[in-house]
Structure formats: structure tokens, C-alpha cells
Amino acid sequence: MAILRCGQQLRLTAEDADFYRQDTGYTQLPKTVNAYNQGLQNAINAWIDTDCAEGDLMAAIIKERIT
């Protein structure tokens, strides 16, 4: 992944933006590192709450994207 970062500001490449939208279900892209990480953490929590093996797998995959 090639996320462009300057301090706490970030810009996602087209590929990373697509992954973020798919992983989180959000349409608006984050502009800060904290917002990016919080969006992914929300998705992780949602998958963990499903209480199934597939949800645990999805949570682990998304966790790898946190910067």
C-alpha cells in the first residue's frame, strides 16, 4: 500500500481508497491518520461482534491495514 502521509494528514491512493471503502462501508475518505485508523477499528469491532470464524478472519485482515 502507498498511503501518502505528512504528519497526521494523509491522502489515499485510488487502490487504498477502494480498500478503505470496502472495509469500512464509509463513502467519505479520511483526511487524518487518526480518522483512518478509527474507521478501520470500527470495522474490526463490527466483524468481531458477529462472533463467528469468518468475522474473526475479516477483523484480522482489516487489522493489518491500520497504520
C-alpha atoms as a PDB file:
ATOM      1  CA  MET A   1       0.000   0.000   0.000  1.00  0.00           C
ATOM      2  CA  ALA A   2       1.116   3.515  -0.726  1.00  0.00           C
ATOM      3  CA  ILE A   3      -0.614   5.874   1.649  1.00  0.00           C
ATOM      4  CA  LEU A   4       0.806   9.380   1.385  1.00  0.00           C
ATOM      5  CA  ARG A   5       1.351  10.814   4.846  1.00  0.00           C
ATOM      6  CA  CYS A   6       2.642  14.142   6.151  1.00  0.00           C
ATOM      7  CA  GLY A   7       2.436  14.356   9.924  1.00  0.00           C
ATOM      8  CA  GLN A   8      -1.168  13.479  10.837  1.00  0.00           C
ATOM      9  CA  GLN A   9      -2.553  14.331   7.376  1.00  0.00           C
ATOM     10  CA  LEU A  10      -2.932  11.594   4.809  1.00  0.00           C
ATOM     11  CA  ARG A  11      -4.031  11.005   1.277  1.00  0.00           C
ATOM     12  CA  LEU A  12      -5.074   7.610  -0.011  1.00  0.00           C
ATOM     13  CA  THR A  13      -4.204   6.292  -3.440  1.00  0.00           C
ATOM     14  CA  ALA A  14      -7.107   5.050  -5.564  1.00  0.00           C
ATOM     15  CA  GLU A  15      -6.426   1.437  -4.581  1.00  0.00           C
ATOM     16  CA  ASP A  16      -6.200   2.273  -0.875  1.00  0.00           C
ATOM     17  CA  ALA A  17      -9.355   4.379  -1.084  1.00  0.00           C
ATOM     18  CA  ASP A  18     -11.208   1.409  -2.599  1.00  0.00           C
ATOM     19  CA  PHE A  19      -9.949  -0.901   0.163  1.00  0.00           C
ATOM     20  CA  TYR A  20     -10.980   1.622   2.830  1.00  0.00           C
ATOM     21  CA  ARG A  21     -14.487   1.967   1.395  1.00  0.00           C
ATOM     22  CA  GLN A  22     -14.881  -1.819   1.121  1.00  0.00           C
ATOM     23  CA  ASP A  23     -13.510  -2.493   4.600  1.00  0.00           C
ATOM     24  CA  THR A  24     -15.495   0.204   6.402  1.00  0.00           C
ATOM     25  CA  GLY A  25     -18.572   0.789   4.269  1.00  0.00           C
ATOM     26  CA  TYR A  26     -17.903   4.546   4.540  1.00  0.00           C
ATOM     27  CA  THR A  27     -18.168   6.698   1.436  1.00  0.00           C
ATOM     28  CA  GLN A  28     -16.213   9.678   2.748  1.00  0.00           C
ATOM     29  CA  LEU A  29     -12.457   9.183   2.873  1.00  0.00           C
ATOM     30  CA  PRO A  30     -10.488  10.132   5.980  1.00  0.00           C
ATOM     31  CA  LYS A  31      -8.085  13.065   5.886  1.00  0.00           C
ATOM     32  CA  THR A  32      -6.084  12.209   9.011  1.00  0.00           C
ATOM     33  CA  VAL A  33      -4.253   9.171  10.286  1.00  0.00           C
ATOM     34  CA  ASN A  34      -6.480   9.061  13.368  1.00  0.00           C
ATOM     35  CA  ALA A  35      -9.674   9.142  11.292  1.00  0.00           C
ATOM     36  CA  TYR A  36      -8.313   6.370   9.038  1.00  0.00           C
ATOM     37  CA  ASN A  37      -7.367   4.172  11.978  1.00  0.00           C
ATOM     38  CA  GLN A  38     -10.678   4.844  13.766  1.00  0.00           C
ATOM     39  CA  GLY A  39     -12.671   3.879  10.665  1.00  0.00           C
ATOM     40  CA  LEU A  40     -10.783   0.609  10.383  1.00  0.00           C
ATOM     41  CA  GLN A  41     -11.125  -0.036  14.126  1.00  0.00           C
ATOM     42  CA  ASN A  42     -14.896   0.444  13.829  1.00  0.00           C
ATOM     43  CA  ALA A  43     -14.960  -2.146  11.038  1.00  0.00           C
ATOM     44  CA  ILE A  44     -12.848  -4.546  13.124  1.00  0.00           C
ATOM     45  CA  ASN A  45     -15.210  -4.171  16.070  1.00  0.00           C
ATOM     46  CA  ALA A  46     -18.228  -4.805  13.843  1.00  0.00           C
ATOM     47  CA  TRP A  47     -16.678  -8.023  12.489  1.00  0.00           C
ATOM     48  CA  ILE A  48     -15.671  -9.231  15.943  1.00  0.00           C
ATOM     49  CA  ASP A  49     -19.243  -8.653  17.143  1.00  0.00           C
ATOM     50  CA  THR A  50     -20.502 -11.224  14.615  1.00  0.00           C
ATOM     51  CA  ASP A  51     -18.967 -13.902  16.869  1.00  0.00           C
ATOM     52  CA  CYS A  52     -18.071 -16.293  14.062  1.00  0.00           C
ATOM     53  CA  ALA A  53     -14.864 -17.576  12.489  1.00  0.00           C
ATOM     54  CA  GLU A  54     -15.403 -15.599   9.293  1.00  0.00           C
ATOM     55  CA  GLY A  55     -15.851 -12.397  11.287  1.00  0.00           C
ATOM     56  CA  ASP A  56     -12.636 -13.072  13.185  1.00  0.00           C
ATOM     57  CA  LEU A  57     -10.808 -13.623   9.891  1.00  0.00           C
ATOM     58  CA  MET A  58     -12.141 -10.368   8.407  1.00  0.00           C
ATOM     59  CA  ALA A  59     -11.168  -8.479  11.568  1.00  0.00           C
ATOM     60  CA  ALA A  60      -7.621  -9.868  11.329  1.00  0.00           C
ATOM     61  CA  ILE A  61      -7.332  -8.896   7.652  1.00  0.00           C
ATOM     62  CA  ILE A  62      -8.514  -5.355   8.310  1.00  0.00           C
ATOM     63  CA  LYS A  63      -6.251  -5.029  11.358  1.00  0.00           C
ATOM     64  CA  GLU A  64      -3.237  -5.429   9.050  1.00  0.00           C
ATOM     65  CA  ARG A  65      -4.207  -2.155   7.318  1.00  0.00           C
ATOM     66  CA  ILE A  66      -4.033   0.046  10.429  1.00  0.00           C
ATOM     67  CA  THR A  67      -1.111   2.465  10.118  1.00  0.00           C
END
